[in-house]
C-alpha atoms as a PDB file:
ATOM      1  CA  UNK A   1      61.658  11.032   5.152  1.00  0.00           C
ATOM      2  CA  UNK A   2      61.619  11.504   8.955  1.00  0.00           C
ATOM      3  CA  UNK A   3      58.542  13.162  10.453  1.00  0.00           C
ATOM      4  CA  UNK A   4      59.029  16.562  12.016  1.00  0.00           C
ATOM      5  CA  UNK A   5      58.392  16.192  15.811  1.00  0.00           C
ATOM      6  CA  UNK A   6      57.245  19.789  16.012  1.00  0.00           C
ATOM      7  CA  UNK A   7      54.575  19.107  13.419  1.00  0.00           C
ATOM      8  CA  UNK A   8      53.279  16.122  15.395  1.00  0.00           C
ATOM      9  CA  UNK A   9      53.030  18.180  18.582  1.00  0.00           C
ATOM     10  CA  UNK A  10      51.208  20.947  16.750  1.00  0.00           C
ATOM     11  CA  UNK A  11      48.792  18.423  15.307  1.00  0.00           C
ATOM     12  CA  UNK A  12      47.998  16.999  18.728  1.00  0.00           C
ATOM     13  CA  UNK A  13      47.416  20.466  20.144  1.00  0.00           C
ATOM     14  CA  UNK A  14      45.105  21.307  17.251  1.00  0.00           C
ATOM     15  CA  UNK A  15      43.104  18.110  17.723  1.00  0.00           C
ATOM     16  CA  UNK A  16      42.772  18.778  21.443  1.00  0.00           C
ATOM     17  CA  UNK A  17      41.408  22.243  20.731  1.00  0.00           C
ATOM     18  CA  UNK A  18      39.207  21.277  17.820  1.00  0.00           C
ATOM     19  CA  UNK A  19      37.488  18.188  19.238  1.00  0.00           C
ATOM     20  CA  UNK A  20      35.314  20.015  21.818  1.00  0.00           C
ATOM     21  CA  UNK A  21      34.429  22.608  19.199  1.00  0.00           C
ATOM     22  CA  UNK A  22      33.527  19.945  16.627  1.00  0.00           C
ATOM     23  CA  UNK A  23      31.334  18.133  19.157  1.00  0.00           C
ATOM     24  CA  UNK A  24      29.555  21.390  19.985  1.00  0.00           C
ATOM     25  CA  UNK A  25      29.141  22.177  16.302  1.00  0.00           C
ATOM     26  CA  UNK A  26      27.668  18.741  15.661  1.00  0.00           C
ATOM     27  CA  UNK A  27      25.244  19.180  18.568  1.00  0.00           C
ATOM     28  CA  UNK A  28      24.111  22.524  17.177  1.00  0.00           C
ATOM     29  CA  UNK A  29      23.734  21.108  13.670  1.00  0.00           C
ATOM     30  CA  UNK A  30      21.564  18.284  15.027  1.00  0.00           C
ATOM     31  CA  UNK A  31      19.591  20.428  17.475  1.00  0.00           C
ATOM     32  CA  UNK A  32      18.601  23.189  15.065  1.00  0.00           C
ATOM     33  CA  UNK A  33      16.569  20.967  12.710  1.00  0.00           C
ATOM     34  CA  UNK A  34      14.936  19.226  15.687  1.00  0.00           C
ATOM     35  CA  UNK A  35      13.927  22.555  17.244  1.00  0.00           C
ATOM     36  CA  UNK A  36      12.651  23.778  13.898  1.00  0.00           C
ATOM     37  CA  UNK A  37      10.485  20.697  13.395  1.00  0.00           C
ATOM     38  CA  UNK A  38       8.780  21.024  16.782  1.00  0.00           C
ATOM     39  CA  UNK A  39      10.587  18.126  18.460  1.00  0.00           C
ATOM     40  CA  UNK A  40      10.577  19.939  21.810  1.00  0.00           C
ATOM     41  CA  UNK A  41       7.061  21.322  21.308  1.00  0.00           C
ATOM     42  CA  UNK A  42       5.553  17.857  21.050  1.00  0.00           C
ATOM     43  CA  UNK A  43       7.278  16.883  24.303  1.00  0.00           C
ATOM     44  CA  UNK A  44       5.752  19.905  26.051  1.00  0.00           C
ATOM     45  CA  UNK A  45       2.258  19.259  24.682  1.00  0.00           C
ATOM     46  CA  UNK A  46       2.512  15.577  25.577  1.00  0.00           C
ATOM     47  CA  UNK A  47       3.398  16.370  29.190  1.00  0.00           C
ATOM     48  CA  UNK A  48       0.522  18.855  29.402  1.00  0.00           C
ATOM     49  CA  UNK A  49      -1.955  16.190  28.279  1.00  0.00           C
ATOM     50  CA  UNK A  50      -0.604  13.699  30.817  1.00  0.00           C
ATOM     51  CA  UNK A  51      -0.853  16.250  33.634  1.00  0.00           C
ATOM     52  CA  UNK A  52      -4.415  17.176  32.668  1.00  0.00           C
ATOM     53  CA  UNK A  53      -5.387  13.502  32.500  1.00  0.00           C
ATOM     54  CA  UNK A  54      -3.959  12.863  35.980  1.00  0.00           C
ATOM     55  CA  UNK A  55      -6.162  15.668  37.334  1.00  0.00           C
ATOM     56  CA  UNK A  56      -9.241  14.229  35.615  1.00  0.00           C
ATOM     57  CA  UNK A  57      -8.576  10.854  37.216  1.00  0.00           C
ATOM     58  CA  UNK A  58      -7.982  12.477  40.599  1.00  0.00           C
ATOM     59  CA  UNK A  59     -11.286  14.368  40.607  1.00  0.00           C
ATOM     60  CA  UNK A  60     -13.352  11.444  39.356  1.00  0.00           C
ATOM     61  CA  UNK A  61     -11.766   9.253  42.027  1.00  0.00           C
ATOM     62  CA  UNK A  62     -12.621  11.876  44.639  1.00  0.00           C
ATOM     63  CA  UNK A  63     -16.275  11.669  43.598  1.00  0.00           C
ATOM     64  CA  UNK A  64     -16.224   7.886  43.592  1.00  0.00           C
ATOM     65  CA  UNK A  65     -14.859   7.911  47.146  1.00  0.00           C
ATOM     66  CA  UNK A  66     -17.777  10.083  48.282  1.00  0.00           C
ATOM     67  CA  UNK A  67     -20.448   7.700  46.979  1.00  0.00           C
ATOM     68  CA  UNK A  68     -20.292   5.014  49.732  1.00  0.00           C
ATOM     69  CA  UNK A  69     -20.717   7.636  52.471  1.00  0.00           C
ATOM     70  CA  UNK A  70     -23.563   9.277  50.574  1.00  0.00           C
ATOM     71  CA  UNK A  71     -25.316   5.939  50.099  1.00  0.00           C
ATOM     72  CA  UNK A  72     -24.932   5.066  53.783  1.00  0.00           C
ATOM     73  CA  UNK A  73     -26.401   8.385  54.901  1.00  0.00           C
ATOM     74  CA  UNK A  74     -29.345   8.145  52.517  1.00  0.00           C
ATOM     75  CA  UNK A  75     -29.875   4.481  53.314  1.00  0.00           C
ATOM     76  CA  UNK A  76     -30.481   5.469  56.915  1.00  0.00           C
ATOM     77  CA  UNK A  77     -33.900   6.757  55.891  1.00  0.00           C
ATOM     78  CA  UNK A  78     -36.101   3.652  55.981  1.00  0.00           C
ATOM     79  CA  UNK A  79     -38.538   5.017  53.428  1.00  0.00           C
ATOM     80  CA  UNK A  80     -36.015   6.049  50.806  1.00  0.00           C
ATOM     81  CA  UNK A  81     -36.446   4.504  47.366  1.00  0.00           C
ATOM     82  CA  UNK A  82     -34.176   1.485  47.200  1.00  0.00           C
ATOM     83  CA  UNK A  83     -34.072   1.306  43.399  1.00  0.00           C
ATOM     84  CA  UNK A  84     -32.539   4.783  43.228  1.00  0.00           C
ATOM     85  CA  UNK A  85     -29.814   3.815  45.682  1.00  0.00           C
ATOM     86  CA  UNK A  86     -29.173   0.548  43.872  1.00  0.00           C
ATOM     87  CA  UNK A  87     -28.647   2.378  40.592  1.00  0.00           C
ATOM     88  CA  UNK A  88     -25.997   4.589  42.235  1.00  0.00           C
ATOM     89  CA  UNK A  89     -24.216   1.593  43.749  1.00  0.00           C
ATOM     90  CA  UNK A  90     -24.305  -0.254  40.429  1.00  0.00           C
ATOM     91  CA  UNK A  91     -23.004   2.763  38.497  1.00  0.00           C
ATOM     92  CA  UNK A  92     -20.124   3.196  40.937  1.00  0.00           C
ATOM     93  CA  UNK A  93     -19.318  -0.488  40.648  1.00  0.00           C
ATOM     94  CA  UNK A  94     -19.053  -0.150  36.861  1.00  0.00           C
ATOM     95  CA  UNK A  95     -16.737   2.828  37.265  1.00  0.00           C
ATOM     96  CA  UNK A  96     -14.496   0.798  39.572  1.00  0.00           C
ATOM     97  CA  UNK A  97     -14.498  -2.045  37.034  1.00  0.00           C
ATOM     98  CA  UNK A  98     -13.047   0.086  34.236  1.00  0.00           C
ATOM     99  CA  UNK A  99      -9.296  -0.450  33.956  1.00  0.00           C
ATOM    100  CA  UNK A 100      -7.620   2.930  33.661  1.00  0.00           C
ATOM    101  CA  UNK A 101      -3.913   3.473  33.014  1.00  0.00           C
ATOM    102  CA  UNK A 102      -1.657   5.753  30.955  1.00  0.00           C
ATOM    103  CA  UNK A 103      -2.629   3.943  27.732  1.00  0.00           C
ATOM    104  CA  UNK A 104      -6.248   5.102  28.134  1.00  0.00           C
ATOM    105  CA  UNK A 105      -5.491   8.539  26.695  1.00  0.00           C
ATOM    106  CA  UNK A 106      -4.160   6.966  23.492  1.00  0.00           C
ATOM    107  CA  UNK A 107      -6.949   4.400  23.024  1.00  0.00           C
ATOM    108  CA  UNK A 108     -10.342   5.741  21.780  1.00  0.00           C
ATOM    109  CA  UNK A 109     -12.180   2.611  22.948  1.00  0.00           C
ATOM    110  CA  UNK A 110     -10.729   2.758  26.463  1.00  0.00           C
ATOM    111  CA  UNK A 111     -11.401   6.477  26.797  1.00  0.00           C
ATOM    112  CA  UNK A 112     -14.986   6.015  25.609  1.00  0.00           C
ATOM    113  CA  UNK A 113     -15.540   3.207  28.101  1.00  0.00           C
ATOM    114  CA  UNK A 114     -14.162   5.368  30.894  1.00  0.00           C
ATOM    115  CA  UNK A 115     -16.329   8.350  29.950  1.00  0.00           C
ATOM    116  CA  UNK A 116     -19.516   6.306  29.572  1.00  0.00           C
ATOM    117  CA  UNK A 117     -19.036   4.729  33.002  1.00  0.00           C
ATOM    118  CA  UNK A 118     -18.494   8.144  34.580  1.00  0.00           C
ATOM    119  CA  UNK A 119     -21.505   9.638  32.788  1.00  0.00           C
ATOM    120  CA  UNK A 120     -23.682   6.769  34.040  1.00  0.00           C
ATOM    121  CA  UNK A 121     -22.598   7.564  37.591  1.00  0.00           C
ATOM    122  CA  UNK A 122     -23.306  11.253  36.988  1.00  0.00           C
ATOM    123  CA  UNK A 123     -26.830  10.385  35.843  1.00  0.00           C
ATOM    124  CA  UNK A 124     -27.451   8.065  38.810  1.00  0.00           C
ATOM    125  CA  UNK A 125     -26.297  10.718  41.281  1.00  0.00           C
ATOM    126  CA  UNK A 126     -28.468  13.353  39.601  1.00  0.00           C
ATOM    127  CA  UNK A 127     -31.541  11.126  39.929  1.00  0.00           C
ATOM    128  CA  UNK A 128     -30.672  10.488  43.561  1.00  0.00           C
ATOM    129  CA  UNK A 129     -30.577  14.226  44.259  1.00  0.00           C
ATOM    130  CA  UNK A 130     -33.968  14.715  42.635  1.00  0.00           C
ATOM    131  CA  UNK A 131     -35.487  12.008  44.819  1.00  0.00           C
ATOM    132  CA  UNK A 132     -33.890  13.476  47.954  1.00  0.00           C
ATOM    133  CA  UNK A 133     -36.088  16.551  47.471  1.00  0.00           C
ATOM    134  CA  UNK A 134     -39.002  14.470  48.752  1.00  0.00           C
ATOM    135  CA  UNK A 135     -37.251  13.836  52.068  1.00  0.00           C
ATOM    136  CA  UNK A 136     -36.828  17.120  53.984  1.00  0.00           C
ATOM    137  CA  UNK A 137     -35.740  15.317  57.154  1.00  0.00           C
ATOM    138  CA  UNK A 138     -32.850  13.736  55.299  1.00  0.00           C
ATOM    139  CA  UNK A 139     -31.859  17.036  53.700  1.00  0.00           C
ATOM    140  CA  UNK A 140     -31.779  18.682  57.125  1.00  0.00           C
ATOM    141  CA  UNK A 141     -29.180  16.316  58.614  1.00  0.00           C
ATOM    142  CA  UNK A 142     -25.672  17.688  59.078  1.00  0.00           C
ATOM    143  CA  UNK A 143     -24.013  14.622  57.546  1.00  0.00           C
ATOM    144  CA  UNK A 144     -26.068  14.933  54.372  1.00  0.00           C
ATOM    145  CA  UNK A 145     -25.453  18.663  54.062  1.00  0.00           C
ATOM    146  CA  UNK A 146     -21.715  18.056  54.415  1.00  0.00           C
ATOM    147  CA  UNK A 147     -21.745  15.398  51.698  1.00  0.00           C
ATOM    148  CA  UNK A 148     -23.872  17.621  49.481  1.00  0.00           C
ATOM    149  CA  UNK A 149     -21.282  20.383  49.769  1.00  0.00           C
ATOM    150  CA  UNK A 150     -18.424  17.997  48.986  1.00  0.00           C
ATOM    151  CA  UNK A 151     -20.261  16.518  46.012  1.00  0.00           C
ATOM    152  CA  UNK A 152     -21.103  19.911  44.577  1.00  0.00           C
ATOM    153  CA  UNK A 153     -17.486  21.056  44.901  1.00  0.00           C
ATOM    154  CA  UNK A 154     -16.228  17.837  43.319  1.00  0.00           C
ATOM    155  CA  UNK A 155     -18.599  18.134  40.366  1.00  0.00           C
ATOM    156  CA  UNK A 156     -17.288  21.650  39.785  1.00  0.00           C
ATOM    157  CA  UNK A 157     -13.694  20.418  39.876  1.00  0.00           C
ATOM    158  CA  UNK A 158     -14.534  17.572  37.491  1.00  0.00           C
ATOM    159  CA  UNK A 159     -15.947  20.077  35.011  1.00  0.00           C
ATOM    160  CA  UNK A 160     -12.825  22.238  35.238  1.00  0.00           C
ATOM    161  CA  UNK A 161     -10.513  19.212  34.914  1.00  0.00           C
ATOM    162  CA  UNK A 162     -12.407  17.909  31.874  1.00  0.00           C
ATOM    163  CA  UNK A 163     -12.238  21.324  30.209  1.00  0.00           C
ATOM    164  CA  UNK A 164      -8.494  21.545  30.773  1.00  0.00           C
ATOM    165  CA  UNK A 165      -8.016  18.047  29.409  1.00  0.00           C
ATOM    166  CA  UNK A 166     -10.054  18.793  26.280  1.00  0.00           C
ATOM    167  CA  UNK A 167      -8.058  21.999  25.724  1.00  0.00           C
ATOM    168  CA  UNK A 168      -4.698  20.282  26.256  1.00  0.00           C
ATOM    169  CA  UNK A 169      -5.574  17.472  23.835  1.00  0.00           C
ATOM    170  CA  UNK A 170      -6.682  20.045  21.267  1.00  0.00           C
ATOM    171  CA  UNK A 171      -3.316  21.828  21.502  1.00  0.00           C
ATOM    172  CA  UNK A 172      -1.457  18.524  21.377  1.00  0.00           C
ATOM    173  CA  UNK A 173      -3.372  17.404  18.270  1.00  0.00           C
ATOM    174  CA  UNK A 174      -2.643  20.711  16.550  1.00  0.00           C
ATOM    175  CA  UNK A 175       1.060  20.197  17.169  1.00  0.00           C
ATOM    176  CA  UNK A 176       0.850  16.659  15.795  1.00  0.00           C
ATOM    177  CA  UNK A 177      -0.976  17.744  12.644  1.00  0.00           C
ATOM    178  CA  UNK A 178       0.663  21.046  11.741  1.00  0.00           C
ATOM    179  CA  UNK A 179       3.837  21.335   9.694  1.00  0.00           C
ATOM    180  CA  UNK A 180       6.682  21.456  10.611  1.00  0.00           C
ATOM    181  CA  UNK A 181       5.881  20.242  14.164  1.00  0.00           C
ATOM    182  CA  UNK A 182       4.321  17.146  12.580  1.00  0.00           C
ATOM    183  CA  UNK A 183       7.894  16.066  11.774  1.00  0.00           C
ATOM    184  CA  UNK A 184       8.838  16.250  15.448  1.00  0.00           C
ATOM    185  CA  UNK A 185       5.705  14.267  16.328  1.00  0.00           C
ATOM    186  CA  UNK A 186       6.685  11.584  13.838  1.00  0.00           C
ATOM    187  CA  UNK A 187      10.198  11.398  15.263  1.00  0.00           C
ATOM    188  CA  UNK A 188       8.686  10.964  18.727  1.00  0.00           C
ATOM    189  CA  UNK A 189       6.185   8.388  17.400  1.00  0.00           C
ATOM    190  CA  UNK A 190       3.280  10.544  18.571  1.00  0.00           C
ATOM    191  CA  UNK A 191      -0.141  10.373  16.918  1.00  0.00           C
ATOM    192  CA  UNK A 192      -3.500  12.132  17.339  1.00  0.00           C
ATOM    193  CA  UNK A 193      -5.243  11.500  20.642  1.00  0.00           C
ATOM    194  CA  UNK A 194      -8.962  10.985  21.309  1.00  0.00           C
ATOM    195  CA  UNK A 195     -10.747  13.373  23.638  1.00  0.00           C
ATOM    196  CA  UNK A 196     -13.951  13.587  25.652  1.00  0.00           C
ATOM    197  CA  UNK A 197     -17.225  13.913  23.815  1.00  0.00           C
ATOM    198  CA  UNK A 198     -18.459  17.474  24.154  1.00  0.00           C
ATOM    199  CA  UNK A 199     -22.238  17.219  24.003  1.00  0.00           C
ATOM    200  CA  UNK A 200     -24.453  20.261  24.733  1.00  0.00           C
ATOM    201  CA  UNK A 201     -24.194  20.981  28.453  1.00  0.00           C
ATOM    202  CA  UNK A 202     -21.502  18.334  29.047  1.00  0.00           C
ATOM    203  CA  UNK A 203     -18.940  20.862  30.250  1.00  0.00           C
ATOM    204  CA  UNK A 204     -21.460  23.031  32.090  1.00  0.00           C
ATOM    205  CA  UNK A 205     -21.130  22.986  35.864  1.00  0.00           C
ATOM    206  CA  UNK A 206     -24.045  20.864  37.152  1.00  0.00           C
ATOM    207  CA  UNK A 207     -26.613  22.632  39.279  1.00  0.00           C
ATOM    208  CA  UNK A 208     -27.180  20.764  42.524  1.00  0.00           C
ATOM    209  CA  UNK A 209     -30.098  22.124  44.520  1.00  0.00           C
ATOM    210  CA  UNK A 210     -31.258  21.103  47.957  1.00  0.00           C
END
């Protein structure tokens, strides 16, 4: 039986109209479950953690860059305790020796190594500042006062950056663990992340007196 040409034309018109609609419908059908399972939420939380981590690295690097100038200024005092300076130089060297990349925030061992190296440098700098109290002439120099101001400001920024990172990881981990956003995390192959150790006073802004 011959096919009606009019029917064929109508069919082609219908297909042309329906295809875009069917594609849109399919996109909606796929997108709704993904949105409901927190697929987009885990992306947002992940980006927040990465941004916070970049700021942590930036502020710690800023402090590390200040150390050579601080050592040179202090070293200019012939009577200054050499062992104290050597401990600062050694601590900074260990910080520089820690390999840090994007994988650090997902690896508990790498993050712990990074934090321990930074805490050792914090301790060495704190001891240096205590010793400086015995050298009023050194404290009075303009170059030392300038470095003191920069170091104090950097320590404050480090504390703020660490706090933001800890908070962002906490929110990220909640999204990974809670249902239904845990489904979105699984689809994105995202797991819980380690965070900084929060010991008493760790996130308190250090008091630097001169």
